[in-house]
Protein backbone atom coordinates (compact mmCIF):
# COMPACT_ATOMS: atom_id res chain seq x y z
CA MET A 1 126.16 94.82 184.66
CA ARG A 2 122.82 92.98 183.97
CA SER A 3 121.38 89.72 184.83
CA LEU A 4 120.38 87.11 182.24
CA SER A 5 118.98 84.06 183.87
CA GLY A 6 120.81 85.18 187.01
CA VAL A 7 124.37 85.32 185.22
CA ARG A 8 125.35 88.95 185.37
CA VAL A 9 126.57 89.68 181.73
CA PRO A 10 129.03 92.45 181.44
CA ARG A 11 127.87 96.01 179.60
CA ILE A 12 129.75 95.90 176.72
CA VAL A 13 128.76 92.52 175.69
CA TRP A 14 125.14 93.64 175.87
CA LEU A 15 126.23 96.65 173.60
CA GLY A 16 128.31 94.44 171.16
CA GLY A 17 124.97 92.23 170.68
CA ALA A 18 123.05 95.09 170.12
CA ALA A 19 125.64 96.99 167.58
CA VAL A 20 125.51 93.26 165.66
CA GLY A 21 121.65 93.25 166.05
CA VAL A 22 121.54 96.74 164.64
CA GLY A 23 124.45 95.95 161.77
CA VAL A 24 122.56 92.23 160.57
CA ALA A 25 119.09 94.64 160.54
CA VAL A 26 120.09 97.20 158.36
CA GLU A 27 121.83 94.64 156.04
CA LEU A 28 118.74 92.63 156.11
CA THR A 29 117.07 95.93 154.66
CA ARG A 30 119.70 96.58 152.64
CA SER A 31 119.17 93.17 150.72
CA PHE A 32 115.65 93.45 150.62
CA TRP A 33 115.88 96.37 148.77
CA ALA A 34 118.44 95.15 146.34
CA PHE A 35 116.46 92.42 145.53
CA ALA A 36 112.81 94.58 145.20
CA ARG A 37 114.63 96.76 143.33
CA TRP A 38 116.46 94.85 140.54
CA TYR A 39 113.28 92.23 140.24
CA TRP A 40 110.88 95.98 140.13
CA GLY A 41 113.31 96.21 137.32
CA GLN A 42 112.80 93.41 135.55
CA THR A 43 109.18 93.48 135.52
CA ARG A 44 108.92 96.83 133.77
CA HIS A 45 111.35 95.31 131.05
CA GLN A 46 110.46 91.71 130.59
CA ARG A 47 109.70 90.96 127.05
CA HIS A 48 107.22 87.95 128.19
CA GLU A 49 104.30 88.64 130.42
CA GLU A 50 103.37 85.35 131.46
CA GLY A 51 104.09 84.16 134.89
CA GLY A 52 104.35 86.05 137.99
CA LEU A 53 107.24 87.21 140.50
CA ARG A 54 108.08 83.97 140.63
CA GLU A 55 108.61 82.43 137.51
CA LEU A 56 110.55 85.78 136.80
CA VAL A 57 113.11 84.62 139.39
CA ARG A 58 112.98 81.04 138.38
CA ARG A 59 113.71 82.08 134.93
CA GLN A 60 116.64 83.78 136.03
CA GLY A 61 118.32 81.68 138.47
CA PRO A 62 118.21 80.20 142.21
CA PRO A 63 116.03 82.39 144.20
CA PRO A 64 118.53 84.56 146.69
CA VAL A 65 118.04 83.99 150.52
CA PRO A 66 118.05 87.47 152.69
CA LEU A 67 121.94 88.86 153.49
CA TRP A 68 123.78 86.22 151.55
CA GLY A 69 122.31 85.78 148.41
CA ASN A 70 123.27 82.67 146.56
CA SER A 71 126.81 82.61 148.65
CA ARG A 72 126.18 79.61 150.15
CA LEU A 73 124.94 77.94 147.39
CA LEU A 74 128.21 78.82 145.29
CA LEU A 75 130.50 77.87 148.02
CA ARG A 76 128.83 74.65 149.58
CA ARG A 77 127.26 73.10 146.28
CA GLY A 78 130.81 74.23 144.49
CA TYR A 79 131.57 77.66 142.14
CA TYR A 80 131.89 75.99 138.71
CA ARG A 81 129.35 72.62 139.59
CA THR A 82 126.51 76.07 140.76
CA LEU A 83 127.27 77.84 137.17
CA HIS A 84 127.27 74.67 135.18
CA ARG A 85 123.79 73.50 136.64
CA TYR A 86 122.35 76.89 135.78
CA CYS A 87 124.10 78.61 133.31
CA MET A 88 123.64 75.57 130.89
CA GLU A 89 119.90 75.99 130.97
CA ARG A 90 119.52 80.03 130.20
CA PRO A 91 121.60 82.49 127.96
CA VAL A 92 121.77 84.80 130.96
CA GLY A 93 121.72 83.51 134.93
CA VAL A 94 121.29 85.71 137.30
CA PHE A 95 123.30 84.93 141.31
CA TRP A 96 123.16 86.90 144.09
CA VAL A 97 126.89 87.74 146.07
CA GLY A 98 125.33 88.88 148.96
CA ARG A 99 122.94 92.02 147.99
CA SER A 100 124.94 92.49 144.45
CA PRO A 101 123.65 90.58 141.20
CA PHE A 102 126.07 88.47 139.76
CA VAL A 103 124.91 88.60 135.90
CA VAL A 104 126.62 85.62 134.17
CA VAL A 105 126.37 85.23 130.15
CA SER A 106 126.57 82.14 128.34
CA ASP A 107 124.63 82.67 124.88
CA GLU A 108 127.80 83.00 121.95
CA ARG A 109 125.47 85.56 120.52
CA LEU A 110 125.41 87.60 123.86
CA VAL A 111 129.09 86.78 124.60
CA GLN A 112 129.83 88.49 121.45
CA ARG A 113 127.79 91.41 122.23
CA VAL A 114 129.45 92.08 125.76
CA LEU A 115 132.97 91.31 125.07
CA ALA A 116 133.04 93.12 121.45
CA SER A 117 130.43 95.90 121.54
CA ALA A 118 131.08 99.52 122.76
CA ALA A 119 128.01 98.79 124.81
CA TYR A 120 130.48 97.31 127.50
CA VAL A 121 133.84 98.78 128.57
CA LYS A 122 136.25 97.40 131.28
CA PRO A 123 135.23 97.88 134.85
CA ARG A 124 137.68 100.47 136.24
CA TYR A 125 139.10 98.59 139.37
CA PHE A 126 141.04 101.70 140.23
CA GLY A 127 139.00 104.67 141.01
CA TYR A 128 136.11 102.66 139.83
CA ARG A 129 133.38 105.00 141.62
CA SER A 130 135.54 108.37 140.37
CA ARG A 131 133.53 111.35 139.41
CA ALA A 132 134.31 111.02 135.95
CA MET A 133 132.83 107.70 135.68
CA LYS A 134 129.68 108.45 137.14
CA MET A 135 129.01 111.69 135.08
CA ALA A 136 129.65 109.66 131.75
CA LEU A 137 127.58 107.09 133.09
CA GLU A 138 124.53 109.98 133.10
CA VAL A 139 125.24 111.01 130.05
CA HIS A 140 124.70 107.88 128.70
CA ARG A 141 121.87 107.38 130.44
CA ALA A 142 120.24 110.40 128.84
CA SER A 143 121.25 109.51 125.29
CA GLU A 144 120.03 106.61 123.30
CA ARG A 145 121.32 103.39 123.63
CA VAL A 146 124.38 102.86 122.36
CA ARG A 147 124.83 100.67 118.91
CA VAL A 148 126.54 97.28 118.46
CA LEU A 149 129.60 97.38 116.51
CA THR A 150 128.97 94.75 113.64
CA GLU A 151 131.18 95.79 111.55
CA GLY A 152 134.08 93.29 110.34
CA LYS A 153 137.00 95.77 111.19
CA ARG A 154 135.59 97.00 114.56
CA GLN A 155 135.26 93.31 115.80
CA ALA A 156 138.49 91.85 114.66
CA ASP A 157 140.71 90.90 117.54
CA ALA A 158 143.96 93.12 118.61
CA GLU A 159 146.23 90.08 118.08
CA ASP A 160 145.39 90.04 114.35
CA ASN A 161 146.28 93.74 114.09
CA ALA A 162 149.42 93.87 112.52
CA ALA A 163 149.66 97.05 111.71
CA ASN A 164 149.53 97.77 115.51
CA PRO A 165 153.15 99.31 116.80
CA THR A 166 152.74 97.90 120.02
CA ARG A 167 151.62 94.26 118.23
CA ARG A 168 155.19 94.93 116.37
CA ALA A 169 157.22 95.65 119.52
CA LEU A 170 155.69 92.66 121.27
CA ILE A 171 156.63 90.24 118.23
CA ALA A 172 159.74 91.62 118.99
CA LEU A 173 160.01 91.15 122.26
CA MET A 174 158.72 87.61 121.69
CA GLU A 175 161.84 86.78 119.54
CA GLN A 176 164.16 88.52 121.32
CA SER A 177 162.92 86.65 124.40
CA THR A 178 163.61 82.68 123.04
CA PRO A 179 167.00 82.05 124.46
CA ASP A 180 165.88 83.31 127.80
CA MET A 181 162.74 81.22 128.08
CA VAL A 182 164.24 78.07 126.57
CA ALA A 183 166.98 78.64 129.38
CA ALA A 184 164.59 79.59 132.13
CA SER A 185 162.48 76.26 130.81
CA MET A 186 165.66 74.23 131.34
CA GLN A 187 165.85 75.69 134.35
CA LEU A 188 162.57 74.81 135.98
CA LEU A 189 162.47 71.08 134.60
CA GLY A 190 165.59 70.42 136.55
CA GLU A 191 164.40 72.03 139.88
CA LEU A 192 161.17 69.43 139.73
CA GLU A 193 163.45 66.83 138.80
CA ARG A 194 165.62 67.34 142.62
CA ALA A 195 162.89 69.02 144.65
CA PRO A 196 160.65 66.80 146.66
CA LEU A 197 157.34 66.41 146.14
CA SER A 198 155.39 69.05 148.14
CA PRO A 199 151.33 68.12 149.83
CA GLU A 200 150.88 71.43 147.78
CA GLY A 201 151.97 70.02 144.83
CA ASP A 202 154.57 71.67 142.07
CA PHE A 203 152.53 75.27 141.55
CA ALA A 204 154.64 77.04 144.12
CA THR A 205 157.79 76.36 142.25
CA VAL A 206 156.11 76.87 138.72
CA GLN A 207 155.22 80.50 139.76
CA ALA A 208 158.43 81.47 141.37
CA HIS A 209 159.77 80.52 137.51
CA TYR A 210 157.55 82.54 136.01
CA VAL A 211 157.44 85.49 138.28
CA ARG A 212 161.59 85.38 137.70
CA LEU A 213 161.06 85.07 134.22
CA ASN A 214 158.56 87.43 133.35
CA CYS A 215 160.34 90.17 135.50
CA TRP A 216 163.44 89.77 133.67
CA ILE A 217 161.39 89.64 129.86
CA LEU A 218 159.33 92.32 130.61
CA PHE A 219 161.01 94.60 133.08
CA ARG A 220 164.53 93.91 132.64
CA MET A 221 164.75 92.90 136.23
CA ARG A 222 166.63 89.91 138.03
CA LEU A 223 165.15 88.62 141.11
CA PRO A 224 166.93 85.94 143.73
CA ALA A 225 164.79 82.76 144.10
CA ALA A 226 164.00 83.47 147.11
CA GLU A 227 162.29 86.40 146.51
CA ALA A 228 160.55 85.35 143.62
CA LEU A 229 158.88 82.44 145.84
CA ARG A 230 157.60 85.08 148.09
CA ILE A 231 156.75 87.42 145.80
CA GLY A 232 155.00 84.70 144.12
CA ARG A 233 153.07 83.50 147.76
CA ALA A 234 152.15 87.02 148.10
CA ILE A 235 150.32 86.87 144.52
CA SER A 236 148.54 83.42 144.98
CA GLY A 237 147.52 84.07 148.79
CA ALA A 238 145.80 87.87 147.52
CA GLY A 239 144.22 86.12 144.26
CA ASP A 240 143.08 83.03 146.57
CA GLU A 241 141.53 85.33 148.85
CA PHE A 242 140.10 87.91 146.22
CA SER A 243 138.58 84.50 144.93
CA LEU A 244 136.64 83.70 147.86
CA ARG A 245 135.66 87.31 148.97
CA MET A 246 134.32 87.18 144.98
CA VAL A 247 131.45 84.67 146.58
CA THR A 248 131.43 85.72 149.85
CA PRO A 249 131.45 89.31 150.36
CA TYR A 250 131.04 89.14 154.13
CA ARG A 251 133.57 86.89 154.46
CA GLY A 252 135.80 89.82 156.05
CA TRP A 253 133.21 90.23 159.34
CA PHE A 254 134.23 86.60 160.14
CA HIS A 255 137.97 85.87 159.27
CA GLY A 256 139.91 88.42 161.28
CA LEU A 257 143.07 86.28 160.34
CA ALA A 258 142.54 86.32 157.10
CA ASN A 259 141.78 90.23 156.51
CA LEU A 260 145.61 90.65 158.24
CA ARG A 261 147.09 87.71 155.47
CA TYR A 262 145.14 89.41 152.86
CA PHE A 263 146.55 93.33 153.93
CA ALA A 264 149.68 91.58 154.43
CA HIS A 265 150.02 90.22 150.29
CA ILE A 266 148.69 93.51 149.13
CA VAL A 267 151.53 95.84 150.67
CA ALA A 268 153.96 93.32 149.60
CA ILE A 269 152.55 93.43 146.22
CA LEU A 270 151.90 97.38 146.17
CA ARG A 271 155.57 97.69 147.35
CA PHE A 272 157.35 95.13 144.69
CA GLY A 273 155.08 97.46 141.46
CA ARG A 274 156.51 100.10 142.94
CA ARG A 275 159.64 98.61 141.89
CA LEU A 276 159.05 97.75 138.96
CA ALA A 277 157.35 100.94 137.79
CA ALA A 278 160.52 102.85 138.84
CA GLN A 279 162.44 100.19 137.02
CA LEU A 280 160.51 100.78 133.76
CA ASP A 281 161.30 104.54 134.13
CA ARG A 282 164.93 103.34 134.13
CA THR A 283 164.90 101.57 131.46
CA ALA A 284 164.61 101.81 127.25
CA GLY A 285 160.94 102.02 125.35
CA THR A 286 159.90 98.35 124.79
CA TRP A 287 156.76 96.73 124.39
CA VAL A 288 155.36 97.64 128.36
CA HIS A 289 156.29 101.44 127.65
CA ALA A 290 154.21 101.50 124.78
CA TRP A 291 151.35 99.45 126.38
CA VAL A 292 151.47 101.19 129.63
CA GLY A 293 151.38 104.53 127.57
CA ARG A 294 151.06 108.53 129.23
CA VAL A 295 149.38 107.66 132.79
CA GLY A 296 150.10 109.56 135.94
CA ARG A 297 151.79 107.85 138.88
CA ILE A 298 148.87 105.88 140.10
CA GLY A 299 147.69 104.35 136.79
CA LYS A 300 151.37 103.15 135.85
CA LEU A 301 150.83 101.68 139.15
CA GLY A 302 147.78 99.36 138.01
CA LYS A 303 148.93 98.85 135.13
CA VAL A 304 152.51 97.27 136.07
CA LEU A 305 150.41 95.37 139.08
CA GLY A 306 147.84 94.33 136.74
CA LEU A 307 150.33 92.44 133.98
CA LEU A 308 152.82 91.46 136.82
CA MET A 309 150.03 89.67 138.09
CA ALA A 310 148.08 87.86 135.18
CA ALA A 311 151.46 87.33 133.84
CA THR A 312 152.49 85.09 137.10
CA GLN A 313 148.98 83.81 138.48
CA THR A 314 147.84 82.51 134.82
CA VAL A 315 150.76 81.40 132.83
CA PRO A 316 151.74 78.74 135.87
CA VAL A 317 147.81 77.48 136.14
CA ALA A 318 147.88 77.09 132.38
CA ALA A 319 151.55 75.12 132.51
CA ILE A 320 150.59 72.75 135.59
CA TRP A 321 147.31 71.75 133.83
CA MET A 322 149.17 71.71 129.91
CA LEU A 323 151.91 69.44 131.58
CA HIS A 324 149.65 66.79 133.87
CA LEU A 325 147.12 66.69 130.49
CA VAL A 326 149.71 65.60 128.30
CA SER A 327 151.19 63.06 130.81
CA THR A 328 147.81 61.51 131.12
CA HIS A 329 147.73 60.80 127.38
CA ASP A 330 150.39 58.74 125.75
CA ARG A 331 149.12 59.43 122.33
CA VAL A 332 149.28 62.99 122.15
CA ARG A 333 152.48 62.88 123.59
CA GLN A 334 154.14 60.63 121.12
CA ARG A 335 152.51 62.89 118.02
CA LEU A 336 154.14 65.98 119.86
CA GLN A 337 157.26 64.33 119.72
CA GLU A 338 156.75 63.38 116.47
CA GLU A 339 155.77 66.64 115.10
CA ILE A 340 159.14 68.13 116.98
CA ARG A 341 161.37 65.80 115.61
CA GLU A 342 160.26 66.37 111.94
CA CYS A 343 160.31 70.12 112.95
CA MET A 344 163.85 69.95 113.67
CA GLU A 345 165.31 67.83 111.12
CA ARG A 346 163.56 70.06 108.57
CA ASP A 347 165.11 73.11 110.07
CA ARG A 348 168.92 70.95 109.86
CA GLU A 349 168.24 70.14 106.45
CA THR A 350 167.34 73.12 105.73
CA ARG A 351 170.69 75.00 107.14
CA SER A 352 172.68 72.11 106.45
CA ALA A 353 172.04 73.06 102.51
CA ASP A 354 172.49 76.59 102.75
CA GLY A 355 175.87 75.68 104.91
CA SER A 356 174.96 77.67 108.11
CA VAL A 357 175.84 74.62 110.00
CA ASP A 358 178.24 72.12 109.26
CA ASP A 359 177.27 67.87 109.17
CA THR A 360 179.16 67.01 112.35
CA ALA A 361 177.39 69.83 114.16
CA ALA A 362 173.82 68.81 112.25
CA ASN A 363 175.12 64.88 113.62
CA ALA A 364 175.80 65.88 117.39
CA SER A 365 172.43 67.77 117.52
CA ASP A 366 170.29 64.57 116.48
CA LEU A 367 166.95 64.10 118.07
CA SER A 368 167.59 60.38 118.71
CA ALA A 369 171.12 61.05 119.93
CA ASN A 370 171.06 64.21 121.95
CA PRO A 371 167.80 65.25 122.80
CA ALA A 372 168.76 68.33 125.08
CA GLY A 373 171.25 69.64 122.30
CA GLN A 374 168.45 70.46 120.12
CA LEU A 375 167.61 73.35 122.99
CA LEU A 376 170.83 75.12 121.87
CA LEU A 377 169.27 75.47 118.36
CA LEU A 378 165.53 75.96 119.24
CA THR A 379 164.58 79.28 117.53
CA ALA A 380 161.14 81.69 117.53
CA ALA A 381 160.92 80.23 113.92
CA GLN A 382 160.84 76.97 114.68
CA LEU A 383 158.28 77.17 117.47
CA ARG A 384 156.06 79.22 114.83
CA HIS A 385 155.54 75.72 112.59
CA LEU A 386 154.81 73.91 115.24
CA PRO A 387 150.54 73.04 114.87
CA TYR A 388 150.07 70.09 117.02
CA ALA A 389 151.72 71.82 120.00
CA ASP A 390 149.47 74.79 119.52
CA ALA A 391 146.70 73.07 119.79
CA VAL A 392 147.64 71.06 122.71
CA ILE A 393 148.31 74.55 124.24
CA ARG A 394 144.87 75.69 123.54
CA GLU A 395 143.07 72.33 124.06
CA SER A 396 144.36 72.97 127.86
CA LEU A 397 143.33 76.32 127.94
CA ARG A 398 139.61 75.14 126.84
CA LEU A 399 139.22 72.40 129.75
CA TYR A 400 141.55 74.53 132.25
CA PRO A 401 141.05 78.20 131.46
CA PRO A 402 143.31 80.46 133.93
CA PHE A 403 140.96 83.22 133.56
CA PRO A 404 138.11 82.50 136.49
CA ILE A 405 135.92 85.48 134.99
CA LEU A 406 135.85 88.24 132.50
CA GLN A 407 133.88 91.42 133.28
CA ARG A 408 132.45 94.37 131.37
CA GLN A 409 130.23 97.10 132.76
CA ALA A 410 127.23 98.48 130.77
CA VAL A 411 127.57 102.00 129.67
CA ALA A 412 123.97 102.11 129.07
CA ASP A 413 120.59 100.21 129.71
CA ASP A 414 120.46 97.11 127.77
CA GLN A 415 118.51 93.96 126.81
CA LEU A 416 120.22 90.23 127.19
CA GLY A 417 118.23 87.63 126.62
CA GLU A 418 115.14 88.37 128.90
CA VAL A 419 117.40 90.07 131.69
CA PHE A 420 116.93 93.68 131.57
CA ILE A 421 120.72 95.23 132.37
CA PRO A 422 120.69 98.89 133.68
CA ALA A 423 123.32 101.27 133.08
CA GLY A 424 126.44 100.75 135.51
CA GLN A 425 125.82 96.85 135.67
CA VAL A 426 128.85 94.67 135.47
CA VAL A 427 128.12 91.33 133.43
CA SER A 428 130.67 88.33 133.64
CA VAL A 429 131.78 85.98 131.02
CA VAL A 430 132.83 82.68 132.44
CA PRO A 431 135.30 80.85 130.11
CA TRP A 432 135.03 78.03 131.93
CA VAL A 433 131.42 77.76 131.16
CA MET A 434 131.49 78.30 127.69
CA HIS A 435 134.43 76.02 126.94
CA HIS A 436 132.29 73.31 128.25
CA HIS A 437 129.00 74.16 127.15
CA PRO A 438 127.22 71.16 125.31
CA ALA A 439 125.93 73.36 122.75
CA TYR A 440 129.37 74.05 121.22
CA TRP A 441 131.60 72.23 122.05
CA ARG A 442 131.64 68.18 121.06
CA ASP A 443 132.54 65.50 123.78
CA VAL A 444 133.12 68.35 126.38
CA GLU A 445 135.14 66.68 128.71
CA CYS A 446 137.76 64.79 126.42
CA PHE A 447 140.66 66.29 125.76
CA GLU A 448 141.51 65.97 122.10
CA PRO A 449 143.86 68.97 120.28
CA GLU A 450 142.71 67.52 117.07
CA ARG A 451 140.00 69.54 117.56
CA PHE A 452 141.87 72.48 116.96
CA LEU A 453 143.58 72.06 113.99
CA GLY A 454 142.88 72.95 110.57
CA ASP A 455 142.76 76.38 108.99
CA ASP A 456 139.02 76.98 109.66
CA HIS A 457 139.51 75.29 113.49
CA ASP A 458 142.89 76.72 114.68
CA ARG A 459 141.41 79.94 116.45
CA HIS A 460 138.12 78.20 118.07
CA GLY A 461 138.17 74.68 117.58
CA ASP A 462 135.15 72.88 116.84
CA ALA A 463 133.12 75.57 118.29
CA PRO A 464 130.69 77.55 115.97
CA SER A 465 132.64 81.05 116.64
CA ASP A 466 135.69 82.54 118.47
CA TYR A 467 133.07 84.25 121.08
CA CYS A 468 132.65 80.57 122.19
CA TYR A 469 136.36 80.18 123.18
CA VAL A 470 137.75 82.86 125.36
CA PRO A 471 140.46 82.17 127.55
CA PHE A 472 141.83 85.40 127.23
CA ALA A 473 138.52 86.98 126.09
CA ARG A 474 137.85 88.72 122.90
CA GLY A 475 137.37 91.76 121.28
CA GLN A 476 139.85 95.03 121.14
CA ARG A 477 139.91 94.73 124.86
CA MET A 478 141.38 91.02 125.27
CA CYS A 479 144.55 90.57 127.24
CA ALA A 480 147.51 92.62 125.82
CA GLY A 481 149.82 89.51 126.92
CA SER A 482 147.84 86.66 125.84
CA SER A 483 150.77 86.43 122.41
CA LEU A 484 153.63 85.93 125.35
CA ALA A 485 151.78 83.86 127.53
CA LEU A 486 151.60 81.61 124.56
CA ALA A 487 155.11 81.41 123.60
CA GLU A 488 156.18 80.84 127.01
CA LEU A 489 153.56 77.81 127.16
CA LYS A 490 154.69 76.61 124.25
CA VAL A 491 158.51 77.12 125.26
CA LEU A 492 157.93 74.82 128.59
CA LEU A 493 155.80 71.90 126.42
CA VAL A 494 159.11 71.69 123.80
CA CYS A 495 161.59 71.77 126.36
CA ALA A 496 159.69 69.09 128.42
CA VAL A 497 159.32 66.99 125.32
CA LEU A 498 163.07 67.27 124.51
CA ARG A 499 164.24 67.01 128.07
CA TRP A 500 162.46 64.76 129.68
CA GLY A 501 160.37 62.42 126.72
CA GLU A 502 157.90 61.18 128.94
CA TRP A 503 157.05 62.08 132.33
CA ALA A 504 154.21 61.39 135.34
CA SER A 505 151.55 63.49 137.01
CA VAL A 506 151.91 62.75 140.84
CA GLN A 507 149.74 63.39 143.44
CA PRO A 508 150.69 63.25 147.26
CA ASP A 509 148.35 61.30 149.62
CA THR A 510 146.90 64.54 150.96
CA GLY A 511 143.32 63.74 151.43
CA ARG A 512 142.32 66.42 149.64
CA GLU A 513 140.18 66.17 146.37
CA LEU A 514 141.52 67.30 143.28
CA PHE A 515 138.01 67.03 141.64
CA ARG A 516 134.72 67.42 142.74
CA GLY A 517 132.84 65.24 139.59
CA GLY A 518 128.99 64.66 138.77
CA ASP A 519 126.59 63.65 136.70
CA VAL A 520 125.59 65.92 133.95
CA ASN A 521 121.65 66.10 133.60
CA GLY A 522 121.37 62.27 135.04
CA THR A 523 123.84 60.44 132.58
CA ALA A 524 126.92 58.56 132.79
CA GLU A 525 128.65 61.71 131.31
CA SER A 526 131.27 63.22 134.46
CA VAL A 527 132.31 66.54 134.38
CA HIS A 528 134.93 67.49 136.53
CA PHE A 529 135.07 70.26 138.36
CA PRO A 530 137.99 72.35 139.58
CA PRO A 531 138.54 74.63 142.72
CA LEU A 532 137.22 78.69 142.05
CA SER A 533 141.01 79.43 141.91
CA MET A 534 141.54 77.06 139.33
CA LYS A 535 144.83 76.26 140.64
CA PRO A 536 146.29 72.98 140.49
CA LEU A 537 146.81 71.98 144.04
CA GLY A 538 148.23 68.92 144.79
CA ILE A 539 149.69 68.03 141.08
CA GLY A 540 153.52 67.05 140.99
CA LEU A 541 155.55 66.73 137.28
CA ARG A 542 158.45 63.96 137.24
CA PRO A 543 160.32 62.39 134.37
CA ARG A 544 159.92 58.82 134.18
CA HIS A 545 162.84 57.36 134.41
CA PRO A 546 162.05 53.40 133.00
CA HIS A 547 165.60 51.57 134.41
CA ARG A 548 165.51 53.42 137.68
CA ASP A 549 161.60 53.16 137.98
CA GLU A 550 162.01 49.09 137.19
CA LYS A 551 165.18 48.75 139.87
CA ARG A 552 162.94 50.54 142.65
CA LEU A 553 159.94 48.38 141.92
CA ALA A 554 162.16 45.12 142.21
CA ASP A 555 163.60 46.54 145.70
CA GLY A 556 159.93 46.44 146.90
CA ASP A 557 159.37 50.32 146.85
CA THR A 558 156.43 52.10 145.37
CA ARG A 559 156.74 55.35 146.13
CA ARG A 560 157.22 58.60 143.62
């Protein structure tokens, strides 16, 4: 026992305090060393010699704070708000997450280099520090800088490679799964009509729906609703915690309960991933088999889990934002209704002329008389002839891209703008930043699907190139299941138009701020900054029933 101002302190407290002090001192030393090593490398390779160290730090981004870097700035000011503040002014921004540099590229040409060049590869999160990877990096360091692939064939997106057998298998899977998507979407809309509005909104319900749907489409596994909800919560919880730790690397030091929850979520996901991998071994060859390829058990588990989490985390986020935006824009919803009506009437006339359906069935399935009956005849061919629905989905993904970050690792020393990138450094592209860059987009905060109409704009809208629009990345390493995700979103959108007609986006009074707004450069233009995880928490979707709503208002009930 030792005394401190007359108070006896146990020895264990002194030892614990000393250990904490030593740990903090070590981390401070490592932080200073990381900062010094980075900026010394930048000084040696910088192209502009004017200015000293302070000017160099100012040009790259906000100055780091020892131990924390820019983590507190990213949390307190807001992740997207901070990136918007610094990345719009410079082509490459350098932030510090603890003592690790967080390099964000926001220039169109540099984004193209990072996403479509052989100089950058996807980081290997499983076995990322393997000996083979370190040896490969050493070989690249000794060799000359890898040449950027400028040929059109090498930069072409994988989604346009019609000769790819994996691509053909994915198209076949989408066409075969259209009836399942329609039935599942109609079931989801019915559940939303009956479900009470939760303070968290409808995200959990929508996510559980896509867990069940994608487990059936991709792995031919049927899940009970309760299990799908449990798996969805584990995926959502792990994703939220990962997002927070991406910004605050020391979070695990101070949040013991968060560590336990994170561990429990990961264990649940891994156990379910093993079931999916075993189910994959029992089923016949599909697109998933071709995409996974011949890998070991750990590699197969990693690919299966990556596919599951991408399908069940990003698609629900995009689906709710899409329906929310359409519900608040009557003009868009009316044009969608007109396009779907014209498409189905044209298809009905074609099939009536061919004799494939009789007039009685055609009249019974008329859109104005029986909207939901048209869903029985909805096919993949009809979905391909809805350009405005495609534009609505693309514009929704522009405003609220489901992937918060795209990362590539440099295989050799490189120079991006004024920033020197050492070999092995991870470079990030934030889709939200690229989609809200005023240098590339007109009226960036407006929901205008028309910008994606036309032969020249169907891929990247009114932006100058494809690399300004990257909701699923670009190049040969883009998201493999992007086409399936777009098909699921289109089916849900068409089903909502046919079943609901009109719907409202309702938000419970929970005191949570849905958006964090701000002015741009002191002007009146307002920017909506979504949450770090991009999850639409607090948003509910319900159909509008004019007669029922009028009766309720007449009775004095103003609740949704």
